[in-house]
Amino acid sequence: MRLANLIIVVLVWLGASVALVAADARPVMRVDITNDSENKVVDINTYETTDRLEVSTIGDVQTTPGGIGDLFLLNAQSGGSPDMRVDGSVTPVYFTFPAHATYDSNVLEIRLFLGCVNIKFTQWACKNAPLPVGIEVSIKSDNTVLVMPLITKTEDFKNKFSTAGLFSIDYAAASDQLLAIIRFDNPFIIRKQGYFGAGNDDYIKIKIQDNLTGSTGGNLNEFSSLVLGFYK
């Protein structure tokens, strides 16, 4: 018995509501399952010659990478450079992870990391004061913008940006290292270029609006980002 037929039998036995809808000129079975606390959607999706059962608690198909070639680990960049040790105090500098030309980008996590000597809390990294304005991370996903709280001090990486337990500072004689990771239980989507019309693409942007060069910026050895996810 094919997987789709088997699922129909099981769900009818459970009393679920079953409906057939069209997607990309092929039949997709969508099942709404409701319990006391939440609604869930179950799809049968055909990938090449294989039927897959895909479940989501947010009303959309839960996607997973098909292979190692689908994965990406890329920097947000400005003018082709990932180095965020720039002077944005007069004119803000944007480091962008853009929409892909062909595929949707499913983002699993965003990392910020830096290195300098003597990282401390209550100040910006190795600078003896907080940043005057702060670093802004914004996400445009499915044509909706989320602006995260400003990062002006070391503890903001831990308290305002990273997922619980995914913040660390490693101290070494020559240079300390800070790593902050925000990880998403379900990937959010950066739709492919042109999905919402010309000039209206999704993105991830890191806005530098202070001077992060030299001693003014805290004598940073490095400051950069990584975006991890998969194309679909």
Protein backbone atom coordinates (compact mmCIF):
# COMPACT_ATOMS: atom_id res chain seq x y z
CA MET A 1 0.00 0.00 0.00
CA ARG A 2 1.37 3.44 -0.94
CA LEU A 3 2.26 5.79 1.91
CA ALA A 4 -0.42 8.33 0.91
CA ASN A 5 -3.17 5.68 0.99
CA LEU A 6 -1.91 4.30 4.30
CA ILE A 7 -1.92 7.77 5.87
CA ILE A 8 -5.49 8.39 4.69
CA VAL A 9 -6.64 5.12 6.31
CA VAL A 10 -4.89 5.90 9.61
CA LEU A 11 -6.15 9.49 9.78
CA VAL A 12 -9.72 8.53 8.92
CA TRP A 13 -9.53 5.94 11.71
CA LEU A 14 -8.36 8.72 14.06
CA GLY A 15 -11.20 10.98 13.00
CA ALA A 16 -9.06 13.65 11.33
CA SER A 17 -10.37 15.95 8.58
CA VAL A 18 -8.84 15.11 5.19
CA ALA A 19 -8.80 17.32 2.09
CA LEU A 20 -7.02 17.28 -1.25
CA VAL A 21 -5.45 20.50 -2.53
CA ALA A 22 -3.33 21.27 -5.59
CA ALA A 23 0.27 22.46 -5.32
CA ASP A 24 2.65 22.82 -8.24
CA ALA A 25 0.30 20.82 -10.49
CA ARG A 26 0.50 17.71 -8.32
CA PRO A 27 -1.94 16.44 -5.66
CA VAL A 28 -0.99 17.11 -2.06
CA MET A 29 -3.00 15.70 0.81
CA ARG A 30 -3.45 18.23 3.63
CA VAL A 31 -4.87 17.13 6.96
CA ASP A 32 -5.87 19.51 9.76
CA ILE A 33 -5.40 17.93 13.16
CA THR A 34 -6.70 19.90 16.14
CA ASN A 35 -6.09 19.18 19.80
CA ASP A 36 -6.79 21.19 22.93
CA SER A 37 -3.70 23.37 22.64
CA GLU A 38 -2.78 23.87 18.98
CA ASN A 39 -3.52 23.28 15.30
CA LYS A 40 -1.18 21.16 13.21
CA VAL A 41 -0.94 20.63 9.47
CA VAL A 42 0.14 17.36 7.88
CA ASP A 43 1.13 17.18 4.21
CA ILE A 44 2.05 14.32 1.91
CA ASN A 45 4.74 15.77 -0.36
CA THR A 46 6.30 13.90 -3.26
CA TYR A 47 10.05 14.53 -3.55
CA GLU A 48 11.34 12.94 -6.75
CA THR A 49 9.87 9.41 -6.38
CA THR A 50 9.43 9.37 -2.61
CA ASP A 51 6.31 10.33 -0.63
CA ARG A 52 7.13 12.20 2.57
CA LEU A 53 4.91 12.98 5.55
CA GLU A 54 5.67 16.57 6.64
CA VAL A 55 4.25 18.13 9.78
CA SER A 56 4.18 21.75 10.95
CA THR A 57 2.70 23.47 14.00
CA ILE A 58 2.67 26.88 12.26
CA GLY A 59 0.41 26.11 9.33
CA ASP A 60 3.06 25.42 6.68
CA VAL A 61 5.12 22.50 5.41
CA GLN A 62 8.09 21.60 7.60
CA THR A 63 11.14 21.45 5.32
CA THR A 64 14.41 19.60 5.82
CA PRO A 65 17.61 19.64 3.75
CA GLY A 66 17.76 17.02 1.03
CA GLY A 67 21.55 16.59 1.15
CA ILE A 68 24.87 18.20 1.98
CA GLY A 69 24.66 20.26 -1.21
CA ASP A 70 21.58 22.06 0.17
CA LEU A 71 23.42 23.42 3.21
CA PHE A 72 25.03 26.86 3.46
CA LEU A 73 27.27 28.59 6.00
CA LEU A 74 27.80 32.14 4.78
CA ASN A 75 28.78 35.58 6.09
CA ALA A 76 26.66 38.67 5.94
CA GLN A 77 28.74 41.03 3.81
CA SER A 78 29.14 44.68 2.86
CA GLY A 79 30.79 45.35 -0.49
CA GLY A 80 31.99 41.73 -0.62
CA SER A 81 33.64 41.87 2.84
CA PRO A 82 32.47 40.09 6.01
CA ASP A 83 34.73 42.24 8.26
CA MET A 84 32.45 44.33 10.47
CA ARG A 85 35.28 46.40 11.97
CA VAL A 86 34.11 49.50 10.11
CA ASP A 87 33.23 53.11 10.90
CA GLY A 88 29.46 53.50 10.69
CA SER A 89 29.25 56.48 13.03
CA VAL A 90 28.47 59.00 10.30
CA THR A 91 26.92 56.79 7.62
CA PRO A 92 25.66 53.38 8.85
CA VAL A 93 27.21 50.34 7.16
CA TYR A 94 24.92 47.38 6.38
CA PHE A 95 26.15 43.78 6.27
CA THR A 96 23.58 41.74 4.39
CA PHE A 97 22.68 38.11 3.87
CA PRO A 98 20.54 38.51 0.73
CA ALA A 99 17.85 36.43 -0.92
CA HIS A 100 19.20 33.68 -3.19
CA ALA A 101 18.62 34.08 -6.92
CA THR A 102 17.03 30.63 -7.37
CA TYR A 103 16.13 29.01 -4.04
CA ASP A 104 14.42 29.86 -0.77
CA SER A 105 16.91 30.03 2.10
CA ASN A 106 15.79 28.27 5.29
CA VAL A 107 17.77 29.82 8.13
CA LEU A 108 18.56 27.70 11.19
CA GLU A 109 20.88 30.03 13.10
CA ILE A 110 22.74 33.35 13.04
CA ARG A 111 26.16 33.68 14.67
CA LEU A 112 28.04 36.80 15.78
CA PHE A 113 31.64 36.45 16.92
CA LEU A 114 34.52 38.75 17.80
CA GLY A 115 38.01 38.72 19.26
CA CYS A 116 40.02 41.24 21.29
CA VAL A 117 42.10 41.43 24.47
CA ASN A 118 40.28 41.58 27.82
CA ILE A 119 36.57 41.24 27.02
CA LYS A 120 34.44 42.56 29.87
CA PHE A 121 30.78 42.94 30.72
CA THR A 122 29.12 46.38 31.19
CA GLN A 123 31.18 47.63 28.24
CA TRP A 124 31.48 46.89 24.52
CA ALA A 125 33.87 43.94 24.16
CA CYS A 126 37.32 45.41 24.95
CA LYS A 127 36.27 49.06 24.82
CA ASN A 128 36.06 50.83 28.19
CA ALA A 129 32.48 51.98 27.54
CA PRO A 130 29.27 50.85 25.83
CA LEU A 131 28.72 51.72 22.18
CA PRO A 132 27.04 55.13 21.78
CA VAL A 133 24.35 53.88 19.37
CA GLY A 134 24.59 50.09 19.07
CA ILE A 135 24.48 47.28 16.52
CA GLU A 136 21.10 46.44 14.99
CA VAL A 137 20.17 43.03 13.57
CA SER A 138 17.03 42.92 11.42
CA ILE A 139 15.36 40.02 9.63
CA LYS A 140 12.90 40.25 6.77
CA SER A 141 11.24 36.87 6.32
CA ASP A 142 8.19 36.20 4.16
CA ASN A 143 7.92 39.97 3.63
CA THR A 144 7.69 40.66 7.38
CA VAL A 145 10.42 42.59 9.25
CA LEU A 146 11.70 41.78 12.74
CA VAL A 147 14.12 44.26 14.34
CA MET A 148 16.05 42.83 17.27
CA PRO A 149 17.13 44.85 20.35
CA LEU A 150 20.30 46.92 19.98
CA ILE A 151 23.64 45.46 21.03
CA THR A 152 25.64 48.11 22.90
CA LYS A 153 27.41 46.01 25.58
CA THR A 154 28.97 42.56 25.88
CA GLU A 155 26.07 41.20 27.93
CA ASP A 156 23.63 42.20 25.16
CA PHE A 157 25.04 39.34 23.07
CA LYS A 158 23.98 36.98 25.86
CA ASN A 159 20.75 38.61 27.03
CA LYS A 160 19.27 40.08 23.83
CA PHE A 161 20.68 38.09 20.92
CA SER A 162 21.68 34.49 21.64
CA THR A 163 19.56 31.45 22.45
CA ALA A 164 19.92 30.31 26.07
CA GLY A 165 23.16 28.34 26.46
CA LEU A 166 24.59 29.41 23.10
CA PHE A 167 26.81 32.24 24.34
CA SER A 168 30.46 31.85 25.33
CA ILE A 169 33.61 33.84 26.06
CA ASP A 170 36.96 32.05 25.86
CA TYR A 171 39.87 33.82 27.49
CA ALA A 172 43.40 33.43 26.14
CA ALA A 173 46.67 35.29 26.64
CA ALA A 174 46.79 36.93 23.21
CA SER A 175 43.11 37.35 22.38
CA ASP A 176 39.75 36.54 23.96
CA GLN A 177 36.92 35.18 21.82
CA LEU A 178 33.18 35.84 22.09
CA LEU A 179 30.55 33.72 20.30
CA ALA A 180 26.78 34.35 20.34
CA ILE A 181 24.34 32.12 18.44
CA ILE A 182 20.61 32.57 17.97
CA ARG A 183 19.13 29.23 16.89
CA PHE A 184 15.58 28.67 15.69
CA ASP A 185 13.56 25.53 16.49
CA ASN A 186 11.96 25.83 13.05
CA PRO A 187 13.89 27.55 10.23
CA PHE A 188 12.60 30.87 8.99
CA ILE A 189 12.48 31.52 5.24
CA ILE A 190 14.32 34.09 3.17
CA ARG A 191 12.32 33.86 -0.06
CA LYS A 192 14.20 33.77 -3.36
CA GLN A 193 14.85 36.98 -5.26
CA GLY A 194 11.80 38.54 -6.90
CA TYR A 195 9.29 36.50 -4.89
CA PHE A 196 7.59 39.69 -3.63
CA GLY A 197 8.43 41.81 -6.67
CA ALA A 198 11.51 43.76 -7.71
CA GLY A 199 13.28 45.59 -4.90
CA ASN A 200 11.25 43.93 -2.14
CA ASP A 201 13.35 40.87 -1.28
CA ASP A 202 13.75 39.21 2.12
CA TYR A 203 17.09 39.59 3.95
CA ILE A 204 19.13 39.48 7.13
CA LYS A 205 20.92 42.78 7.86
CA ILE A 206 23.45 43.79 10.49
CA LYS A 207 23.60 47.56 10.82
CA ILE A 208 26.87 49.05 12.15
CA GLN A 209 26.23 52.62 13.30
CA ASP A 210 29.28 53.22 15.53
CA ASN A 211 33.01 53.47 14.86
CA LEU A 212 34.35 49.93 15.38
CA THR A 213 37.86 50.66 14.07
CA GLY A 214 41.04 51.00 16.15
CA SER A 215 40.96 51.90 19.84
CA THR A 216 37.64 53.75 19.37
CA GLY A 217 36.04 50.46 18.40
CA GLY A 218 37.75 48.51 21.19
CA ASN A 219 40.86 47.22 19.36
CA LEU A 220 38.97 44.33 17.78
CA ASN A 221 41.03 41.56 16.21
CA GLU A 222 37.92 40.38 14.38
CA PHE A 223 34.18 40.92 14.26
CA SER A 224 32.01 39.00 11.83
CA SER A 225 28.90 36.86 11.36
CA LEU A 226 27.74 33.55 9.94
CA VAL A 227 24.33 32.44 8.73
CA LEU A 228 23.62 28.68 8.76
CA GLY A 229 20.78 26.96 6.94
CA PHE A 230 19.76 25.13 3.77
CA TYR A 231 18.32 25.90 0.36
CA LYS A 232 15.01 24.45 -0.77
